[in-house]
Amino acid sequence: MRSMDHLVLPVSDLEIARTRLQSLGFTVAANGRHPFGTENACVFLPDKTYLEPLAVADPAEAEDAIAHGNLFVARDRFFRQHRAEGLSAIVVQSDDAFADREAFTAAGVGEGGDILEFSRPVRLPDGQERISSFRLAFAIDPLVETFFLFACQRLNPLSVDRDVLEKHANGALGVKRILIQTGQNNYQALMTPVFGCASREITNGQAFDAGNTSVEVVVGNDANIGIIVLALVFTVADLEVTAAALAANGVSHVRTQDEIVVPAAPGQGVTFLFEENA
């Protein structure tokens, strides 16, 4: 069983995403630039996962990366050709990306491209910069252009205190569930080798219980929808704190007894739900 590492959310404009996420009560880290034309502004959560809002900072650099086989940027472009914003990838933790690639290839979902290895500067909460290096192994279904998965190995894990970045005005503690809709009957063949666990049956679909979150997939009748992430469910310590943060920033939301629902908006991409930690 693997644990989720982070989630990739393509956005049209990184500053709009920053403003939106801050209005939802999240603390947003400094922008981080990739060496292949994309840029992020991450939200780090106390459960050691994070959201990665992703924008194209240099289109020419991104196109050159695609021409040289960069699957991360290629899949980002595929996504943007179909949807303006949303969630394009679930990323799992890895201790050995090369072994992961072999496993994904053996399962028939690793034929999309080579291992991607890169380094980039990371701005720390105290303003200092260090270099962080990563190695990625991809799992894809070539018929699904709006979603993919990959394993992320950190080659030089930074010993950094992210406590300041992990404190959020909305009280968010982590991502409890990821809600997906698909018309693809073979989605389990893509997801099972990545999450490293068998699925369990839920109403109209299956759920994969990763080490730190649950990925719930509901199957519809329209095969043309591919795989679409509909919503993220965050766990919070106190819904009253979340409601107060949203109200203070004038964020439209729906409150029920058990949860708060914030519809997707520019810079957010998918619906966010907040539920109290059980």
Protein backbone atom coordinates (compact mmCIF):
# COMPACT_ATOMS: atom_id res chain seq x y z
CA MET A 1 0.00 0.00 0.00
CA ARG A 2 1.37 3.39 -1.02
CA SER A 3 0.72 6.79 0.51
CA MET A 4 -0.27 9.85 -1.47
CA ASP A 5 2.51 12.43 -1.78
CA HIS A 6 0.76 15.35 -3.46
CA LEU A 7 -1.88 16.42 -5.97
CA VAL A 8 -1.29 18.40 -9.17
CA LEU A 9 -3.88 21.08 -9.97
CA PRO A 10 -3.34 22.91 -13.30
CA VAL A 11 -4.45 26.54 -13.08
CA SER A 12 -4.64 29.33 -15.63
CA ASP A 13 -2.93 31.92 -13.45
CA LEU A 14 -0.82 31.21 -10.39
CA GLU A 15 -1.57 34.52 -8.67
CA ILE A 16 -5.32 33.97 -9.08
CA ALA A 17 -4.82 30.53 -7.55
CA ARG A 18 -2.82 31.99 -4.67
CA THR A 19 -5.51 34.60 -3.96
CA ARG A 20 -8.29 32.02 -4.14
CA LEU A 21 -6.58 29.49 -1.90
CA GLN A 22 -5.71 32.17 0.64
CA SER A 23 -9.34 33.27 0.66
CA LEU A 24 -10.25 29.66 1.51
CA GLY A 25 -8.01 29.90 4.56
CA PHE A 26 -4.93 28.09 3.22
CA THR A 27 -1.35 29.24 3.68
CA VAL A 28 0.38 29.25 0.27
CA ALA A 29 4.14 28.82 -0.11
CA ALA A 30 6.40 30.93 -2.32
CA ASN A 31 6.37 30.17 -6.03
CA GLY A 32 8.66 27.39 -7.19
CA ARG A 33 9.97 27.29 -10.76
CA HIS A 34 10.65 24.03 -12.61
CA PRO A 35 13.48 23.84 -15.15
CA PHE A 36 11.00 22.93 -17.90
CA GLY A 37 8.66 25.91 -18.05
CA THR A 38 6.13 25.26 -15.30
CA GLU A 39 5.76 26.91 -11.91
CA ASN A 40 3.89 26.05 -8.72
CA ALA A 41 2.65 27.63 -5.48
CA CYS A 42 2.15 24.77 -3.05
CA VAL A 43 -0.12 24.30 -0.07
CA PHE A 44 1.58 22.07 2.51
CA LEU A 45 -0.68 20.16 4.89
CA PRO A 46 0.04 18.85 8.40
CA ASP A 47 -0.30 15.23 7.21
CA LYS A 48 2.83 15.87 5.05
CA THR A 49 0.93 15.84 1.76
CA TYR A 50 0.44 18.94 -0.36
CA LEU A 51 -1.48 20.58 -3.18
CA GLU A 52 0.51 21.71 -6.21
CA PRO A 53 -1.30 24.43 -8.19
CA LEU A 54 0.60 24.43 -11.47
CA ALA A 55 0.87 27.10 -14.18
CA VAL A 56 2.86 27.43 -17.39
CA ALA A 57 5.40 30.19 -16.76
CA ASP A 58 7.34 29.90 -20.02
CA PRO A 59 5.39 28.33 -22.93
CA ALA A 60 8.44 28.10 -25.18
CA GLU A 61 10.44 26.31 -22.50
CA ALA A 62 7.51 23.96 -21.88
CA GLU A 63 7.21 23.14 -25.59
CA ASP A 64 10.93 22.40 -25.78
CA ALA A 65 10.60 20.07 -22.78
CA ILE A 66 7.76 18.20 -24.48
CA ALA A 67 9.84 17.86 -27.65
CA HIS A 68 12.57 16.25 -25.54
CA GLY A 69 10.20 13.70 -24.00
CA ASN A 70 9.22 15.37 -20.72
CA LEU A 71 6.05 13.46 -19.85
CA PHE A 72 5.11 15.69 -16.92
CA VAL A 73 4.78 18.73 -19.16
CA ALA A 74 3.24 16.72 -22.01
CA ARG A 75 0.48 15.41 -19.76
CA ASP A 76 -0.09 18.91 -18.40
CA ARG A 77 -0.61 20.15 -21.96
CA PHE A 78 -3.01 17.29 -22.72
CA PHE A 79 -5.05 18.24 -19.67
CA ARG A 80 -5.19 21.92 -20.60
CA GLN A 81 -6.39 21.05 -24.10
CA HIS A 82 -9.54 19.60 -22.53
CA ARG A 83 -10.05 21.60 -19.34
CA ALA A 84 -9.03 25.06 -18.21
CA GLU A 85 -8.39 23.97 -14.62
CA GLY A 86 -8.90 21.00 -12.35
CA LEU A 87 -6.86 18.15 -10.91
CA SER A 88 -4.65 16.30 -13.38
CA ALA A 89 -2.55 13.92 -11.31
CA ILE A 90 -2.37 11.96 -8.09
CA VAL A 91 1.22 11.48 -6.96
CA VAL A 92 2.36 8.69 -4.65
CA GLN A 93 5.48 8.47 -2.50
CA SER A 94 8.44 6.49 -3.82
CA ASP A 95 11.67 5.10 -2.40
CA ASP A 96 12.86 3.86 -5.82
CA ALA A 97 11.44 5.41 -8.97
CA PHE A 98 13.36 3.00 -11.22
CA ALA A 99 11.73 0.02 -9.50
CA ASP A 100 8.38 1.75 -9.75
CA ARG A 101 8.81 2.24 -13.48
CA GLU A 102 9.58 -1.46 -13.89
CA ALA A 103 6.48 -2.37 -11.87
CA PHE A 104 4.27 0.03 -13.81
CA THR A 105 5.61 -1.27 -17.12
CA ALA A 106 5.02 -4.87 -16.05
CA ALA A 107 1.43 -3.91 -15.21
CA GLY A 108 0.97 -2.31 -18.62
CA VAL A 109 0.70 1.30 -17.46
CA GLY A 110 4.31 2.47 -17.62
CA GLU A 111 4.84 2.83 -21.36
CA GLY A 112 4.30 6.58 -21.48
CA GLY A 113 7.87 7.79 -21.19
CA ASP A 114 11.21 7.66 -19.45
CA ILE A 115 12.04 8.47 -15.85
CA LEU A 116 12.11 12.23 -15.28
CA GLU A 117 14.87 13.48 -13.01
CA PHE A 118 15.31 17.18 -12.19
CA SER A 119 16.38 19.69 -9.59
CA ARG A 120 14.98 23.09 -8.68
CA PRO A 121 15.48 25.81 -6.07
CA VAL A 122 13.14 25.67 -3.07
CA ARG A 123 12.53 28.84 -1.06
CA LEU A 124 12.31 28.01 2.63
CA PRO A 125 10.03 29.74 5.16
CA ASP A 126 13.01 31.74 6.47
CA GLY A 127 13.75 33.10 2.98
CA GLN A 128 16.75 30.89 2.26
CA GLU A 129 16.98 28.81 -0.91
CA ARG A 130 18.13 25.22 -1.27
CA ILE A 131 18.19 22.81 -4.19
CA SER A 132 15.78 19.89 -4.14
CA SER A 133 16.05 16.96 -6.56
CA PHE A 134 13.34 14.56 -7.69
CA ARG A 135 12.91 11.41 -9.76
CA LEU A 136 9.49 10.61 -11.25
CA ALA A 137 8.03 7.39 -12.69
CA PHE A 138 4.75 7.69 -14.62
CA ALA A 139 1.65 5.53 -14.92
CA ILE A 140 -0.74 6.46 -17.71
CA ASP A 141 -3.63 5.27 -19.80
CA PRO A 142 -2.99 6.66 -23.30
CA LEU A 143 -6.74 6.88 -23.90
CA VAL A 144 -7.22 9.21 -20.89
CA GLU A 145 -5.79 12.68 -21.45
CA THR A 146 -7.30 14.40 -18.39
CA PHE A 147 -5.65 12.30 -15.69
CA PHE A 148 -2.46 10.42 -14.87
CA LEU A 149 -0.48 9.18 -11.89
CA PHE A 150 3.17 9.12 -10.98
CA ALA A 151 5.53 8.11 -8.21
CA CYS A 152 7.81 10.79 -6.76
CA GLN A 153 11.18 9.97 -5.19
CA ARG A 154 13.06 12.71 -3.36
CA LEU A 155 16.74 12.27 -4.02
CA ASN A 156 17.92 14.71 -1.33
CA PRO A 157 15.09 15.12 1.19
CA LEU A 158 15.45 18.54 2.78
CA SER A 159 15.41 18.73 6.56
CA VAL A 160 13.09 21.71 6.73
CA ASP A 161 10.68 22.85 9.41
CA ARG A 162 7.47 23.55 7.45
CA ASP A 163 5.40 24.21 10.56
CA VAL A 164 4.62 27.79 9.53
CA LEU A 165 3.45 26.66 6.08
CA GLU A 166 1.38 23.80 7.50
CA LYS A 167 -0.78 26.04 9.69
CA HIS A 168 -3.98 27.12 7.94
CA ALA A 169 -6.67 29.56 9.05
CA ASN A 170 -9.34 27.08 7.93
CA GLY A 171 -7.95 24.37 10.21
CA ALA A 172 -7.15 21.94 7.37
CA LEU A 173 -5.24 18.86 8.50
CA GLY A 174 -5.06 16.76 5.33
CA VAL A 175 -6.86 15.28 2.35
CA LYS A 176 -9.28 12.63 3.59
CA ARG A 177 -10.80 11.53 0.27
CA ILE A 178 -10.39 12.17 -3.45
CA LEU A 179 -13.64 11.85 -5.41
CA ILE A 180 -13.40 10.75 -9.05
CA GLN A 181 -15.86 10.06 -11.85
CA THR A 182 -15.02 7.92 -14.88
CA GLY A 183 -16.57 6.24 -17.86
CA GLN A 184 -13.57 3.92 -18.19
CA ASN A 185 -14.22 0.36 -17.09
CA ASN A 186 -10.52 -0.44 -16.96
CA TYR A 187 -9.55 2.28 -14.48
CA GLN A 188 -8.57 -0.34 -11.88
CA ALA A 189 -5.81 -1.59 -14.18
CA LEU A 190 -4.30 1.91 -14.06
CA MET A 191 -4.75 2.60 -10.36
CA THR A 192 -4.10 -0.74 -8.65
CA PRO A 193 -0.36 -0.98 -9.43
CA VAL A 194 0.16 2.65 -8.39
CA PHE A 195 -1.64 2.50 -5.04
CA GLY A 196 -0.36 -1.01 -4.37
CA CYS A 197 -3.63 -2.26 -2.95
CA ALA A 198 -6.82 -3.92 -4.08
CA SER A 199 -9.93 -1.77 -4.26
CA ARG A 200 -13.05 -2.16 -2.18
CA GLU A 201 -16.59 -1.85 -3.44
CA ILE A 202 -18.58 1.34 -2.90
CA THR A 203 -21.87 2.49 -4.43
CA ASN A 204 -21.45 2.56 -8.22
CA GLY A 205 -17.72 2.09 -8.04
CA GLN A 206 -14.58 1.21 -6.12
CA ALA A 207 -12.33 2.85 -3.54
CA PHE A 208 -8.56 2.54 -3.14
CA ASP A 209 -7.46 3.01 0.45
CA ALA A 210 -3.97 4.44 0.18
CA GLY A 211 -1.84 4.85 3.27
CA ASN A 212 -3.09 8.36 4.06
CA THR A 213 -6.19 8.97 1.92
CA SER A 214 -9.01 7.19 0.11
CA VAL A 215 -9.50 7.49 -3.66
CA GLU A 216 -13.16 6.88 -4.50
CA VAL A 217 -14.05 6.21 -8.13
CA VAL A 218 -17.66 6.25 -9.35
CA VAL A 219 -18.37 4.79 -12.79
CA GLY A 220 -20.84 6.54 -15.07
CA ASN A 221 -22.30 5.62 -18.44
CA ASP A 222 -20.40 8.14 -20.57
CA ALA A 223 -17.10 6.62 -21.72
CA ASN A 224 -16.10 9.98 -23.22
CA ILE A 225 -15.53 11.65 -19.83
CA GLY A 226 -12.27 9.77 -19.27
CA ILE A 227 -11.22 10.14 -15.64
CA ILE A 228 -12.21 13.39 -13.93
CA VAL A 229 -11.45 14.39 -10.34
CA LEU A 230 -14.61 16.04 -9.02
CA ALA A 231 -13.72 17.00 -5.47
CA LEU A 232 -11.25 16.90 -2.61
CA VAL A 233 -12.44 16.21 0.92
CA PHE A 234 -10.27 17.86 3.58
CA THR A 235 -10.31 16.88 7.21
CA VAL A 236 -10.36 19.75 9.71
CA ALA A 237 -10.26 19.95 13.48
CA ASP A 238 -13.32 22.16 13.86
CA LEU A 239 -15.90 23.03 11.19
CA GLU A 240 -16.77 26.21 13.06
CA VAL A 241 -13.23 27.47 12.53
CA THR A 242 -13.46 26.62 8.82
CA ALA A 243 -16.83 28.33 8.46
CA ALA A 244 -15.52 31.45 10.19
CA ALA A 245 -12.48 31.63 7.89
CA LEU A 246 -14.64 31.33 4.78
CA ALA A 247 -17.16 33.88 6.04
CA ALA A 248 -14.42 36.36 6.93
CA ASN A 249 -13.19 36.26 3.34
CA GLY A 250 -16.64 36.35 1.75
CA VAL A 251 -16.30 32.87 0.22
CA SER A 252 -19.59 31.37 -0.96
CA HIS A 253 -20.16 27.93 0.56
CA VAL A 254 -22.87 25.50 1.63
CA ARG A 255 -22.96 24.31 5.23
CA THR A 256 -24.60 21.08 6.31
CA GLN A 257 -24.48 19.36 9.66
CA ASP A 258 -21.48 17.27 8.70
CA GLU A 259 -19.56 19.23 6.09
CA ILE A 260 -18.88 22.48 4.26
CA VAL A 261 -18.95 22.50 0.46
CA VAL A 262 -17.08 25.13 -1.57
CA PRO A 263 -17.83 24.88 -5.31
CA ALA A 264 -14.98 25.03 -7.80
CA ALA A 265 -13.86 28.53 -8.80
CA PRO A 266 -10.98 30.04 -10.82
CA GLY A 267 -7.73 29.13 -9.11
CA GLN A 268 -9.36 26.27 -7.21
CA GLY A 269 -10.25 23.91 -10.05
CA VAL A 270 -12.36 21.32 -8.21
CA THR A 271 -14.95 21.35 -5.44
CA PHE A 272 -13.51 21.42 -1.93
CA LEU A 273 -15.35 19.76 0.94
CA PHE A 274 -14.38 20.13 4.60
CA GLU A 275 -15.28 17.52 7.21
CA GLU A 276 -14.37 17.32 10.87
CA ASN A 277 -11.64 14.88 11.83
CA ALA A 278 -13.31 11.73 13.12
